[in-house]
Amino acid sequence: MEREQLELFRAQLLRKKDEIFNEAGKTMSEMTDQTSNVPDPNDRATIESGRSFELRIRDRERRLLVKIDEAIARIEDGSYGVCEDCGEEIGLKRLEARPVTTFCIDCKTLQETKEKSKGL
């Protein structure tokens, strides 16, 4: 992959990382600003449900941050865009759709097929 493309992916990954950190900061601010002394049980339940949902989103983003850091490390070491299963180049369209991916579409499809067959 050309250096220019790698730099575009790096910039995209760094933007996403900043976006996640900004959203996490907003969540922390909102959760600490909300009063915990809500007398109505239904209102409390609604607030807690919303908090739980927000925390699940942040947990998914936390896992995505790890993948972003790993993708940036692969850019640095020259292995970005190479399927970790078959060693072939990952298609540019796939990387554009999911820049943290480590598998080409064929290997990912095979992996998902195997997972589904084990689950049945």
PDB file of N, CA and C in Angstrom:
ATOM      1  N   MET A   1       0.843  -1.167   0.000  1.00  0.00           N
ATOM      2  CA  MET A   1       0.000   0.000   0.000  1.00  0.00           C
ATOM      3  C   MET A   1       0.897   1.241   0.000  1.00  0.00           C
ATOM      4  N   GLU A   2       0.456   2.241  -0.713  1.00  0.00           N
ATOM      5  CA  GLU A   2       1.245   3.459  -0.822  1.00  0.00           C
ATOM      6  C   GLU A   2       1.222   4.252   0.482  1.00  0.00           C
ATOM      7  N   ARG A   3       2.299   4.971   0.717  1.00  0.00           N
ATOM      8  CA  ARG A   3       2.454   5.753   1.950  1.00  0.00           C
ATOM      9  C   ARG A   3       1.317   6.754   2.115  1.00  0.00           C
ATOM     10  N   GLU A   4       0.905   7.358   1.014  1.00  0.00           N
ATOM     11  CA  GLU A   4      -0.176   8.353   1.064  1.00  0.00           C
ATOM     12  C   GLU A   4      -1.475   7.725   1.580  1.00  0.00           C
ATOM     13  N   GLN A   5      -1.786   6.524   1.100  1.00  0.00           N
ATOM     14  CA  GLN A   5      -2.985   5.823   1.568  1.00  0.00           C
ATOM     15  C   GLN A   5      -2.869   5.489   3.053  1.00  0.00           C
ATOM     16  N   LEU A   6      -1.691   5.032   3.456  1.00  0.00           N
ATOM     17  CA  LEU A   6      -1.477   4.702   4.866  1.00  0.00           C
ATOM     18  C   LEU A   6      -1.689   5.928   5.753  1.00  0.00           C
ATOM     19  N   GLU A   7      -1.220   7.067   5.288  1.00  0.00           N
ATOM     20  CA  GLU A   7      -1.385   8.294   6.075  1.00  0.00           C
ATOM     21  C   GLU A   7      -2.847   8.708   6.164  1.00  0.00           C
ATOM     22  N   LEU A   8      -3.600   8.468   5.096  1.00  0.00           N
ATOM     23  CA  LEU A   8      -5.033   8.757   5.131  1.00  0.00           C
ATOM     24  C   LEU A   8      -5.734   7.860   6.161  1.00  0.00           C
ATOM     25  N   PHE A   9      -5.360   6.579   6.175  1.00  0.00           N
ATOM     26  CA  PHE A   9      -5.946   5.669   7.164  1.00  0.00           C
ATOM     27  C   PHE A   9      -5.536   6.067   8.578  1.00  0.00           C
ATOM     28  N   ARG A  10      -4.287   6.446   8.762  1.00  0.00           N
ATOM     29  CA  ARG A  10      -3.818   6.868  10.090  1.00  0.00           C
ATOM     30  C   ARG A  10      -4.641   8.075  10.570  1.00  0.00           C
ATOM     31  N   ALA A  11      -4.828   9.048   9.683  1.00  0.00           N
ATOM     32  CA  ALA A  11      -5.590  10.247  10.043  1.00  0.00           C
ATOM     33  C   ALA A  11      -7.036   9.882  10.392  1.00  0.00           C
ATOM     34  N   GLN A  12      -7.626   8.988   9.629  1.00  0.00           N
ATOM     35  CA  GLN A  12      -8.992   8.544   9.886  1.00  0.00           C
ATOM     36  C   GLN A  12      -9.085   7.850  11.255  1.00  0.00           C
ATOM     37  N   LEU A  13      -8.120   6.986  11.541  1.00  0.00           N
ATOM     38  CA  LEU A  13      -8.106   6.273  12.820  1.00  0.00           C
ATOM     39  C   LEU A  13      -7.916   7.239  13.991  1.00  0.00           C
ATOM     40  N   LEU A  14      -7.038   8.209  13.824  1.00  0.00           N
ATOM     41  CA  LEU A  14      -6.814   9.186  14.888  1.00  0.00           C
ATOM     42  C   LEU A  14      -8.037  10.063  15.117  1.00  0.00           C
ATOM     43  N   ARG A  15      -8.735  10.425  14.042  1.00  0.00           N
ATOM     44  CA  ARG A  15      -9.978  11.205  14.186  1.00  0.00           C
ATOM     45  C   ARG A  15     -11.020  10.408  14.964  1.00  0.00           C
ATOM     46  N   LYS A  16     -11.151   9.123  14.632  1.00  0.00           N
ATOM     47  CA  LYS A  16     -12.120   8.280  15.326  1.00  0.00           C
ATOM     48  C   LYS A  16     -11.754   8.151  16.799  1.00  0.00           C
ATOM     49  N   LYS A  17     -10.477   8.033  17.080  1.00  0.00           N
ATOM     50  CA  LYS A  17     -10.008   7.930  18.462  1.00  0.00           C
ATOM     51  C   LYS A  17     -10.369   9.206  19.237  1.00  0.00           C
ATOM     52  N   ASP A  18     -10.118  10.360  18.643  1.00  0.00           N
ATOM     53  CA  ASP A  18     -10.470  11.631  19.285  1.00  0.00           C
ATOM     54  C   ASP A  18     -11.976  11.732  19.521  1.00  0.00           C
ATOM     55  N   GLU A  19     -12.740  11.307  18.532  1.00  0.00           N
ATOM     56  CA  GLU A  19     -14.199  11.335  18.640  1.00  0.00           C
ATOM     57  C   GLU A  19     -14.672  10.477  19.824  1.00  0.00           C
ATOM     58  N   ILE A  20     -14.088   9.299  19.979  1.00  0.00           N
ATOM     59  CA  ILE A  20     -14.462   8.410  21.077  1.00  0.00           C
ATOM     60  C   ILE A  20     -14.117   9.055  22.418  1.00  0.00           C
ATOM     61  N   PHE A  21     -12.929   9.641  22.529  1.00  0.00           N
ATOM     62  CA  PHE A  21     -12.541  10.299  23.774  1.00  0.00           C
ATOM     63  C   PHE A  21     -13.465  11.474  24.097  1.00  0.00           C
ATOM     64  N   ASN A  22     -13.838  12.247  23.083  1.00  0.00           N
ATOM     65  CA  ASN A  22     -14.752  13.366  23.302  1.00  0.00           C
ATOM     66  C   ASN A  22     -16.108  12.890  23.798  1.00  0.00           C
ATOM     67  N   GLU A  23     -16.630  11.843  23.183  1.00  0.00           N
ATOM     68  CA  GLU A  23     -17.917  11.294  23.600  1.00  0.00           C
ATOM     69  C   GLU A  23     -17.851  10.736  25.018  1.00  0.00           C
ATOM     70  N   ALA A  24     -16.745  10.100  25.356  1.00  0.00           N
ATOM     71  CA  ALA A  24     -16.581   9.568  26.714  1.00  0.00           C
ATOM     72  C   ALA A  24     -16.567  10.699  27.724  1.00  0.00           C
ATOM     73  N   GLY A  25     -15.918  11.789  27.382  1.00  0.00           N
ATOM     74  CA  GLY A  25     -15.900  12.950  28.268  1.00  0.00           C
ATOM     75  C   GLY A  25     -17.290  13.526  28.471  1.00  0.00           C
ATOM     76  N   LYS A  26     -18.058  13.613  27.398  1.00  0.00           N
ATOM     77  CA  LYS A  26     -19.437  14.107  27.503  1.00  0.00           C
ATOM     78  C   LYS A  26     -20.261  13.197  28.394  1.00  0.00           C
ATOM     79  N   THR A  27     -20.079  11.893  28.226  1.00  0.00           N
ATOM     80  CA  THR A  27     -20.836  10.934  29.035  1.00  0.00           C
ATOM     81  C   THR A  27     -20.512  11.109  30.510  1.00  0.00           C
ATOM     82  N   MET A  28     -19.237  11.225  30.822  1.00  0.00           N
ATOM     83  CA  MET A  28     -18.837  11.415  32.216  1.00  0.00           C
ATOM     84  C   MET A  28     -19.441  12.692  32.780  1.00  0.00           C
ATOM     85  N   SER A  29     -19.394  13.748  32.007  1.00  0.00           N
ATOM     86  CA  SER A  29     -19.939  15.022  32.447  1.00  0.00           C
ATOM     87  C   SER A  29     -21.442  14.927  32.684  1.00  0.00           C
ATOM     88  N   GLU A  30     -22.153  14.311  31.756  1.00  0.00           N
ATOM     89  CA  GLU A  30     -23.605  14.173  31.873  1.00  0.00           C
ATOM     90  C   GLU A  30     -23.989  13.308  33.069  1.00  0.00           C
ATOM     91  N   MET A  31     -23.237  12.237  33.283  1.00  0.00           N
ATOM     92  CA  MET A  31     -23.578  11.336  34.381  1.00  0.00           C
ATOM     93  C   MET A  31     -23.299  11.967  35.738  1.00  0.00           C
ATOM     94  N   THR A  32     -22.286  12.784  35.820  1.00  0.00           N
ATOM     95  CA  THR A  32     -21.991  13.431  37.096  1.00  0.00           C
ATOM     96  C   THR A  32     -22.884  14.644  37.327  1.00  0.00           C
ATOM     97  N   ASP A  33     -23.405  15.238  36.252  1.00  0.00           N
ATOM     98  CA  ASP A  33     -24.298  16.391  36.377  1.00  0.00           C
ATOM     99  C   ASP A  33     -25.707  15.978  36.794  1.00  0.00           C
ATOM    100  N   GLN A  34     -26.122  14.783  36.410  1.00  0.00           N
ATOM    101  CA  GLN A  34     -27.472  14.341  36.744  1.00  0.00           C
ATOM    102  C   GLN A  34     -27.600  14.150  38.247  1.00  0.00           C
ATOM    103  N   THR A  35     -28.698  14.595  38.761  1.00  0.00           N
ATOM    104  CA  THR A  35     -28.914  14.416  40.195  1.00  0.00           C
ATOM    105  C   THR A  35     -29.337  12.984  40.460  1.00  0.00           C
ATOM    106  N   SER A  36     -28.792  12.423  41.501  1.00  0.00           N
ATOM    107  CA  SER A  36     -29.133  11.038  41.844  1.00  0.00           C
ATOM    108  C   SER A  36     -30.307  10.985  42.806  1.00  0.00           C
ATOM    109  N   ASN A  37     -30.795  12.153  43.238  1.00  0.00           N
ATOM    110  CA  ASN A  37     -31.918  12.200  44.170  1.00  0.00           C
ATOM    111  C   ASN A  37     -33.213  12.422  43.398  1.00  0.00           C
ATOM    112  N   VAL A  38     -33.663  11.391  42.715  1.00  0.00           N
ATOM    113  CA  VAL A  38     -34.899  11.452  41.944  1.00  0.00           C
ATOM    114  C   VAL A  38     -35.937  10.644  42.717  1.00  0.00           C
ATOM    115  N   PRO A  39     -36.946  11.320  43.253  1.00  0.00           N
ATOM    116  CA  PRO A  39     -37.888  10.619  44.139  1.00  0.00           C
ATOM    117  C   PRO A  39     -38.786   9.600  43.435  1.00  0.00           C
ATOM    118  N   ASP A  40     -39.135   9.850  42.189  1.00  0.00           N
ATOM    119  CA  ASP A  40     -40.051   8.943  41.502  1.00  0.00           C
ATOM    120  C   ASP A  40     -39.312   7.697  41.023  1.00  0.00           C
ATOM    121  N   PRO A  41     -39.765   6.498  41.425  1.00  0.00           N
ATOM    122  CA  PRO A  41     -39.091   5.260  41.017  1.00  0.00           C
ATOM    123  C   PRO A  41     -39.061   5.054  39.501  1.00  0.00           C
ATOM    124  N   ASN A  42     -40.119   5.467  38.825  1.00  0.00           N
ATOM    125  CA  ASN A  42     -40.150   5.314  37.363  1.00  0.00           C
ATOM    126  C   ASN A  42     -39.112   6.212  36.699  1.00  0.00           C
ATOM    127  N   ASP A  43     -38.980   7.428  37.191  1.00  0.00           N
ATOM    128  CA  ASP A  43     -37.964   8.335  36.652  1.00  0.00           C
ATOM    129  C   ASP A  43     -36.564   7.795  36.915  1.00  0.00           C
ATOM    130  N   ARG A  44     -36.349   7.264  38.119  1.00  0.00           N
ATOM    131  CA  ARG A  44     -35.045   6.686  38.462  1.00  0.00           C
ATOM    132  C   ARG A  44     -34.732   5.514  37.543  1.00  0.00           C
ATOM    133  N   ALA A  45     -35.731   4.669  37.295  1.00  0.00           N
ATOM    134  CA  ALA A  45     -35.535   3.505  36.428  1.00  0.00           C
ATOM    135  C   ALA A  45     -35.203   3.949  35.009  1.00  0.00           C
ATOM    136  N   THR A  46     -35.867   4.976  34.541  1.00  0.00           N
ATOM    137  CA  THR A  46     -35.597   5.497  33.197  1.00  0.00           C
ATOM    138  C   THR A  46     -34.173   6.034  33.113  1.00  0.00           C
ATOM    139  N   ILE A  47     -33.754   6.773  34.135  1.00  0.00           N
ATOM    140  CA  ILE A  47     -32.395   7.325  34.155  1.00  0.00           C
ATOM    141  C   ILE A  47     -31.367   6.197  34.188  1.00  0.00           C
ATOM    142  N   GLU A  48     -31.611   5.212  35.034  1.00  0.00           N
ATOM    143  CA  GLU A  48     -30.676   4.083  35.140  1.00  0.00           C
ATOM    144  C   GLU A  48     -30.602   3.282  33.847  1.00  0.00           C
ATOM    145  N   SER A  49     -31.732   3.112  33.189  1.00  0.00           N
ATOM    146  CA  SER A  49     -31.748   2.402  31.908  1.00  0.00           C
ATOM    147  C   SER A  49     -30.928   3.158  30.869  1.00  0.00           C
ATOM    148  N   GLY A  50     -31.095   4.463  30.834  1.00  0.00           N
ATOM    149  CA  GLY A  50     -30.324   5.296  29.910  1.00  0.00           C
ATOM    150  C   GLY A  50     -28.842   5.237  30.211  1.00  0.00           C
ATOM    151  N   ARG A  51     -28.495   5.256  31.489  1.00  0.00           N
ATOM    152  CA  ARG A  51     -27.084   5.170  31.877  1.00  0.00           C
ATOM    153  C   ARG A  51     -26.493   3.821  31.474  1.00  0.00           C
ATOM    154  N   SER A  52     -27.254   2.786  31.708  1.00  0.00           N
ATOM    155  CA  SER A  52     -26.780   1.445  31.354  1.00  0.00           C
ATOM    156  C   SER A  52     -26.521   1.344  29.859  1.00  0.00           C
ATOM    157  N   PHE A  53     -27.439   1.865  29.060  1.00  0.00           N
ATOM    158  CA  PHE A  53     -27.280   1.854  27.615  1.00  0.00           C
ATOM    159  C   PHE A  53     -26.039   2.642  27.203  1.00  0.00           C
ATOM    160  N   GLU A  54     -25.881   3.816  27.788  1.00  0.00           N
ATOM    161  CA  GLU A  54     -24.727   4.668  27.477  1.00  0.00           C
ATOM    162  C   GLU A  54     -23.418   3.976  27.847  1.00  0.00           C
ATOM    163  N   LEU A  55     -23.396   3.304  28.975  1.00  0.00           N
ATOM    164  CA  LEU A  55     -22.185   2.609  29.407  1.00  0.00           C
ATOM    165  C   LEU A  55     -21.852   1.420  28.497  1.00  0.00           C
ATOM    166  N   ARG A  56     -22.868   0.747  27.991  1.00  0.00           N
ATOM    167  CA  ARG A  56     -22.618  -0.346  27.037  1.00  0.00           C
ATOM    168  C   ARG A  56     -21.990   0.206  25.756  1.00  0.00           C
ATOM    169  N   ILE A  57     -22.472   1.347  25.306  1.00  0.00           N
ATOM    170  CA  ILE A  57     -21.890   1.980  24.119  1.00  0.00           C
ATOM    171  C   ILE A  57     -20.430   2.338  24.385  1.00  0.00           C
ATOM    172  N   ARG A  58     -20.150   2.926  25.531  1.00  0.00           N
ATOM    173  CA  ARG A  58     -18.783   3.319  25.864  1.00  0.00           C
ATOM    174  C   ARG A  58     -17.876   2.091  25.984  1.00  0.00           C
ATOM    175  N   ASP A  59     -18.405   0.975  26.473  1.00  0.00           N
ATOM    176  CA  ASP A  59     -17.603  -0.241  26.563  1.00  0.00           C
ATOM    177  C   ASP A  59     -17.246  -0.749  25.174  1.00  0.00           C
ATOM    178  N   ARG A  60     -18.180  -0.699  24.250  1.00  0.00           N
ATOM    179  CA  ARG A  60     -17.882  -1.084  22.862  1.00  0.00           C
ATOM    180  C   ARG A  60     -16.829  -0.170  22.266  1.00  0.00           C
ATOM    181  N   GLU A  61     -16.941   1.110  22.569  1.00  0.00           N
ATOM    182  CA  GLU A  61     -15.953   2.064  22.054  1.00  0.00           C
ATOM    183  C   GLU A  61     -14.585   1.831  22.689  1.00  0.00           C
ATOM    184  N   ARG A  62     -14.562   1.428  23.962  1.00  0.00           N
ATOM    185  CA  ARG A  62     -13.296   1.120  24.623  1.00  0.00           C
ATOM    186  C   ARG A  62     -12.590  -0.023  23.898  1.00  0.00           C
ATOM    187  N   ARG A  63     -13.360  -1.036  23.520  1.00  0.00           N
ATOM    188  CA  ARG A  63     -12.772  -2.158  22.765  1.00  0.00           C
ATOM    189  C   ARG A  63     -12.316  -1.693  21.382  1.00  0.00           C
ATOM    190  N   LEU A  64     -13.067  -0.767  20.781  1.00  0.00           N
ATOM    191  CA  LEU A  64     -12.678  -0.234  19.476  1.00  0.00           C
ATOM    192  C   LEU A  64     -11.376   0.561  19.585  1.00  0.00           C
ATOM    193  N   LEU A  65     -11.181   1.261  20.694  1.00  0.00           N
ATOM    194  CA  LEU A  65      -9.928   2.004  20.895  1.00  0.00           C
ATOM    195  C   LEU A  65      -8.720   1.077  20.842  1.00  0.00           C
ATOM    196  N   VAL A  66      -8.847  -0.094  21.421  1.00  0.00           N
ATOM    197  CA  VAL A  66      -7.752  -1.073  21.390  1.00  0.00           C
ATOM    198  C   VAL A  66      -7.464  -1.466  19.943  1.00  0.00           C
ATOM    199  N   LYS A  67      -8.527  -1.709  19.174  1.00  0.00           N
ATOM    200  CA  LYS A  67      -8.347  -2.080  17.769  1.00  0.00           C
ATOM    201  C   LYS A  67      -7.737  -0.933  16.965  1.00  0.00           C
ATOM    202  N   ILE A  68      -8.127   0.291  17.284  1.00  0.00           N
ATOM    203  CA  ILE A  68      -7.557   1.456  16.594  1.00  0.00           C
ATOM    204  C   ILE A  68      -6.064   1.542  16.872  1.00  0.00           C
ATOM    205  N   ASP A  69      -5.688   1.394  18.147  1.00  0.00           N
ATOM    206  CA  ASP A  69      -4.263   1.437  18.496  1.00  0.00           C
ATOM    207  C   ASP A  69      -3.485   0.323  17.799  1.00  0.00           C
ATOM    208  N   GLU A  70      -4.084  -0.857  17.715  1.00  0.00           N
ATOM    209  CA  GLU A  70      -3.419  -1.967  17.019  1.00  0.00           C
ATOM    210  C   GLU A  70      -3.271  -1.671  15.533  1.00  0.00           C
ATOM    211  N   ALA A  71      -4.289  -1.055  14.927  1.00  0.00           N
ATOM    212  CA  ALA A  71      -4.219  -0.707  13.505  1.00  0.00           C
ATOM    213  C   ALA A  71      -3.123   0.336  13.255  1.00  0.00           C
ATOM    214  N   ILE A  72      -3.024   1.317  14.138  1.00  0.00           N
ATOM    215  CA  ILE A  72      -1.978   2.331  14.007  1.00  0.00           C
ATOM    216  C   ILE A  72      -0.600   1.675  14.141  1.00  0.00           C
ATOM    217  N   ALA A  73      -0.479   0.731  15.058  1.00  0.00           N
ATOM    218  CA  ALA A  73       0.795   0.005  15.218  1.00  0.00           C
ATOM    219  C   ALA A  73       1.128  -0.780  13.957  1.00  0.00           C
ATOM    220  N   ARG A  74       0.110  -1.354  13.301  1.00  0.00           N
ATOM    221  CA  ARG A  74       0.357  -2.090  12.056  1.00  0.00           C
ATOM    222  C   ARG A  74       0.793  -1.141  10.943  1.00  0.00           C
ATOM    223  N   ILE A  75       0.247   0.070  10.942  1.00  0.00           N
ATOM    224  CA  ILE A  75       0.701   1.064   9.970  1.00  0.00           C
ATOM    225  C   ILE A  75       2.181   1.340  10.200  1.00  0.00           C
ATOM    226  N   GLU A  76       2.555   1.497  11.462  1.00  0.00           N
ATOM    227  CA  GLU A  76       3.949   1.782  11.822  1.00  0.00           C
ATOM    228  C   GLU A  76       4.896   0.653  11.429  1.00  0.00           C
ATOM    229  N   ASP A  77       4.461  -0.603  11.658  1.00  0.00           N
ATOM    230  CA  ASP A  77       5.386  -1.721  11.391  1.00  0.00           C
ATOM    231  C   ASP A  77       5.286  -2.271   9.968  1.00  0.00           C
ATOM    232  N   GLY A  78       4.397  -1.673   9.153  1.00  0.00           N
ATOM    233  CA  GLY A  78       4.313  -2.075   7.754  1.00  0.00           C
ATOM    234  C   GLY A  78       3.410  -3.255   7.467  1.00  0.00           C
ATOM    235  N   SER A  79       2.664  -3.723   8.462  1.00  0.00           N
ATOM    236  CA  SER A  79       1.798  -4.885   8.234  1.00  0.00           C
ATOM    237  C   SER A  79       0.336  -4.495   8.036  1.00  0.00           C
ATOM    238  N   TYR A  80       0.039  -3.207   8.022  1.00  0.00           N
ATOM    239  CA  TYR A  80      -1.340  -2.755   7.849  1.00  0.00           C
ATOM    240  C   TYR A  80      -1.839  -3.130   6.459  1.00  0.00           C
ATOM    241  N   GLY A  81      -3.057  -3.628   6.402  1.00  0.00           N
ATOM    242  CA  GLY A  81      -3.663  -3.969   5.121  1.00  0.00           C
ATOM    243  C   GLY A  81      -3.316  -5.358   4.633  1.00  0.00           C
ATOM    244  N   VAL A  82      -2.668  -6.163   5.492  1.00  0.00           N
ATOM    245  CA  VAL A  82      -2.320  -7.538   5.138  1.00  0.00           C
ATOM    246  C   VAL A  82      -3.143  -8.474   6.033  1.00  0.00           C
ATOM    247  N   CYS A  83      -3.834  -9.404   5.421  1.00  0.00           N
ATOM    248  CA  CYS A  83      -4.678 -10.348   6.159  1.00  0.00           C
ATOM    249  C   CYS A  83      -3.813 -11.193   7.092  1.00  0.00           C
ATOM    250  N   GLU A  84      -4.202 -11.247   8.354  1.00  0.00           N
ATOM    251  CA  GLU A  84      -3.404 -12.015   9.311  1.00  0.00           C
ATOM    252  C   GLU A  84      -3.616 -13.519   9.179  1.00  0.00           C
ATOM    253  N   ASP A  85      -4.586 -13.923   8.370  1.00  0.00           N
ATOM    254  CA  ASP A  85      -4.820 -15.345   8.170  1.00  0.00           C
ATOM    255  C   ASP A  85      -4.094 -15.871   6.929  1.00  0.00           C
ATOM    256  N   CYS A  86      -4.369 -15.259   5.778  1.00  0.00           N
ATOM    257  CA  CYS A  86      -3.802 -15.787   4.530  1.00  0.00           C
ATOM    258  C   CYS A  86      -2.578 -15.017   4.041  1.00  0.00           C
ATOM    259  N   GLY A  87      -2.350 -13.812   4.589  1.00  0.00           N
ATOM    260  CA  GLY A  87      -1.190 -13.026   4.200  1.00  0.00           C
ATOM    261  C   GLY A  87      -1.376 -12.204   2.931  1.00  0.00           C
ATOM    262  N   GLU A  88      -2.554 -12.271   2.348  1.00  0.00           N
ATOM    263  CA  GLU A  88      -2.841 -11.477   1.148  1.00  0.00           C
ATOM    264  C   GLU A  88      -3.246 -10.061   1.561  1.00  0.00           C
ATOM    265  N   GLU A  89      -3.187  -9.141   0.587  1.00  0.00           N
ATOM    266  CA  GLU A  89      -3.613  -7.772   0.861  1.00  0.00           C
ATOM    267  C   GLU A  89      -5.120  -7.722   1.076  1.00  0.00           C
ATOM    268  N   ILE A  90      -5.523  -6.925   2.049  1.00  0.00           N
ATOM    269  CA  ILE A  90      -6.943  -6.683   2.301  1.00  0.00           C
ATOM    270  C   ILE A  90      -7.389  -5.625   1.301  1.00  0.00           C
ATOM    271  N   GLY A  91      -8.529  -5.829   0.689  1.00  0.00           N
ATOM    272  CA  GLY A  91      -9.028  -4.897  -0.313  1.00  0.00           C
ATOM    273  C   GLY A  91      -9.217  -3.499   0.243  1.00  0.00           C
ATOM    274  N   LEU A  92      -8.927  -2.512  -0.576  1.00  0.00           N
ATOM    275  CA  LEU A  92      -9.026  -1.119  -0.181  1.00  0.00           C
ATOM    276  C   LEU A  92     -10.448  -0.758   0.251  1.00  0.00           C
ATOM    277  N   LYS A  93     -11.439  -1.253  -0.459  1.00  0.00           N
ATOM    278  CA  LYS A  93     -12.840  -0.972  -0.102  1.00  0.00           C
ATOM    279  C   LYS A  93     -13.163  -1.506   1.284  1.00  0.00           C
ATOM    280  N   ARG A  94     -12.630  -2.686   1.611  1.00  0.00           N
ATOM    281  CA  ARG A  94     -12.863  -3.260   2.940  1.00  0.00           C
ATOM    282  C   ARG A  94     -12.194  -2.415   4.011  1.00  0.00           C
ATOM    283  N   LEU A  95     -10.978  -1.970   3.756  1.00  0.00           N
ATOM    284  CA  LEU A  95     -10.277  -1.124   4.715  1.00  0.00           C
ATOM    285  C   LEU A  95     -10.979   0.219   4.884  1.00  0.00           C
ATOM    286  N   GLU A  96     -11.532   0.742   3.813  1.00  0.00           N
ATOM    287  CA  GLU A  96     -12.267   1.997   3.914  1.00  0.00           C
ATOM    288  C   GLU A  96     -13.520   1.821   4.763  1.00  0.00           C
ATOM    289  N   ALA A  97     -14.173   0.670   4.624  1.00  0.00           N
ATOM    290  CA  ALA A  97     -15.382   0.400   5.394  1.00  0.00           C
ATOM    291  C   ALA A  97     -15.067   0.078   6.854  1.00  0.00           C
ATOM    292  N   ARG A  98     -13.969  -0.616   7.091  1.00  0.00           N
ATOM    293  CA  ARG A  98     -13.584  -1.034   8.452  1.00  0.00           C
ATOM    294  C   ARG A  98     -12.070  -0.952   8.577  1.00  0.00           C
ATOM    295  N   PRO A  99     -11.552   0.232   8.869  1.00  0.00           N
ATOM    296  CA  PRO A  99     -10.099   0.425   8.864  1.00  0.00           C
ATOM    297  C   PRO A  99      -9.344  -0.359   9.944  1.00  0.00           C
ATOM    298  N   VAL A 100     -10.035  -0.927  10.916  1.00  0.00           N
ATOM    299  CA  VAL A 100      -9.349  -1.702  11.962  1.00  0.00           C
ATOM    300  C   VAL A 100      -9.302  -3.195  11.639  1.00  0.00           C
ATOM    301  N   THR A 101      -9.844  -3.587  10.507  1.00  0.00           N
ATOM    302  CA  THR A 101      -9.923  -5.010  10.176  1.00  0.00           C
ATOM    303  C   THR A 101      -8.536  -5.639  10.033  1.00  0.00           C
ATOM    304  N   THR A 102      -8.477  -6.930  10.360  1.00  0.00           N
ATOM    305  CA  THR A 102      -7.218  -7.668  10.207  1.00  0.00           C
ATOM    306  C   THR A 102      -7.374  -8.839   9.242  1.00  0.00           C
ATOM    307  N   PHE A 103      -8.581  -9.005   8.681  1.00  0.00           N
ATOM    308  CA  PHE A 103      -8.839 -10.111   7.767  1.00  0.00           C
ATOM    309  C   PHE A 103      -9.373  -9.605   6.438  1.00  0.00           C
ATOM    310  N   CYS A 104      -8.974 -10.261   5.359  1.00  0.00           N
ATOM    311  CA  CYS A 104      -9.569  -9.981   4.054  1.00  0.00           C
ATOM    312  C   CYS A 104     -11.008 -10.500   4.097  1.00  0.00           C
ATOM    313  N   ILE A 105     -11.793 -10.122   3.122  1.00  0.00           N
ATOM    314  CA  ILE A 105     -13.209 -10.490   3.130  1.00  0.00           C
ATOM    315  C   ILE A 105     -13.401 -12.003   3.053  1.00  0.00           C
ATOM    316  N   ASP A 106     -12.562 -12.690   2.284  1.00  0.00           N
ATOM    317  CA  ASP A 106     -12.705 -14.140   2.160  1.00  0.00           C
ATOM    318  C   ASP A 106     -12.430 -14.845   3.488  1.00  0.00           C
ATOM    319  N   CYS A 107     -11.367 -14.465   4.163  1.00  0.00           N
ATOM    320  CA  CYS A 107     -11.018 -15.098   5.443  1.00  0.00           C
ATOM    321  C   CYS A 107     -12.043 -14.752   6.521  1.00  0.00           C
ATOM    322  N   LYS A 108     -12.551 -13.515   6.517  1.00  0.00           N
ATOM    323  CA  LYS A 108     -13.559 -13.119   7.501  1.00  0.00           C
ATOM    324  C   LYS A 108     -14.853 -13.880   7.266  1.00  0.00           C
ATOM    325  N   THR A 109     -15.240 -14.047   6.012  1.00  0.00           N
ATOM    326  CA  THR A 109     -16.447 -14.801   5.691  1.00  0.00           C
ATOM    327  C   THR A 109     -16.295 -16.250   6.140  1.00  0.00           C
ATOM    328  N   LEU A 110     -15.152 -16.842   5.883  1.00  0.00           N
ATOM    329  CA  LEU A 110     -14.883 -18.211   6.313  1.00  0.00           C
ATOM    330  C   LEU A 110     -14.934 -18.322   7.834  1.00  0.00           C
ATOM    331  N   GLN A 111     -14.332 -17.366   8.523  1.00  0.00           N
ATOM    332  CA  GLN A 111     -14.342 -17.361   9.993  1.00  0.00           C
ATOM    333  C   GLN A 111     -15.779 -17.289  10.522  1.00  0.00           C
ATOM    334  N   GLU A 112     -16.590 -16.410   9.961  1.00  0.00           N
ATOM    335  CA  GLU A 112     -17.976 -16.271  10.407  1.00  0.00           C
ATOM    336  C   GLU A 112     -18.796 -17.523  10.116  1.00  0.00           C
ATOM    337  N   THR A 113     -18.519 -18.160   8.978  1.00  0.00           N
ATOM    338  CA  THR A 113     -19.215 -19.395   8.625  1.00  0.00           C
ATOM    339  C   THR A 113     -18.887 -20.486   9.631  1.00  0.00           C
ATOM    340  N   LYS A 114     -17.624 -20.580  10.006  1.00  0.00           N
ATOM    341  CA  LYS A 114     -17.198 -21.578  11.007  1.00  0.00           C
ATOM    342  C   LYS A 114     -17.849 -21.304  12.354  1.00  0.00           C
ATOM    343  N   GLU A 115     -17.916 -20.039  12.739  1.00  0.00           N
ATOM    344  CA  GLU A 115     -18.523 -19.666  14.023  1.00  0.00           C
ATOM    345  C   GLU A 115     -20.010 -20.024  14.035  1.00  0.00           C
ATOM    346  N   LYS A 116     -20.701 -19.769  12.933  1.00  0.00           N
ATOM    347  CA  LYS A 116     -22.116 -20.083  12.846  1.00  0.00           C
ATOM    348  C   LYS A 116     -22.357 -21.599  12.911  1.00  0.00           C
ATOM    349  N   SER A 117     -21.501 -22.359  12.249  1.00  0.00           N
ATOM    350  CA  SER A 117     -21.693 -23.809  12.238  1.00  0.00           C
ATOM    351  C   SER A 117     -21.418 -24.415  13.616  1.00  0.00           C
ATOM    352  N   LYS A 118     -20.529 -23.810  14.387  1.00  0.00           N
ATOM    353  CA  LYS A 118     -20.265 -24.277  15.750  1.00  0.00           C
ATOM    354  C   LYS A 118     -21.430 -23.968  16.677  1.00  0.00           C
ATOM    355  N   GLY A 119     -22.101 -22.837  16.404  1.00  0.00           N
ATOM    356  CA  GLY A 119     -23.212 -22.397  17.243  1.00  0.00           C
ATOM    357  C   GLY A 119     -24.488 -23.177  17.033  1.00  0.00           C
ATOM    358  N   LEU A 120     -24.594 -23.864  15.924  1.00  0.00           N
ATOM    359  CA  LEU A 120     -25.836 -24.606  15.625  1.00  0.00           C
ATOM    360  C   LEU A 120     -25.868 -25.956  16.199  1.00  0.00           C
TER     361      LEU A 120
END
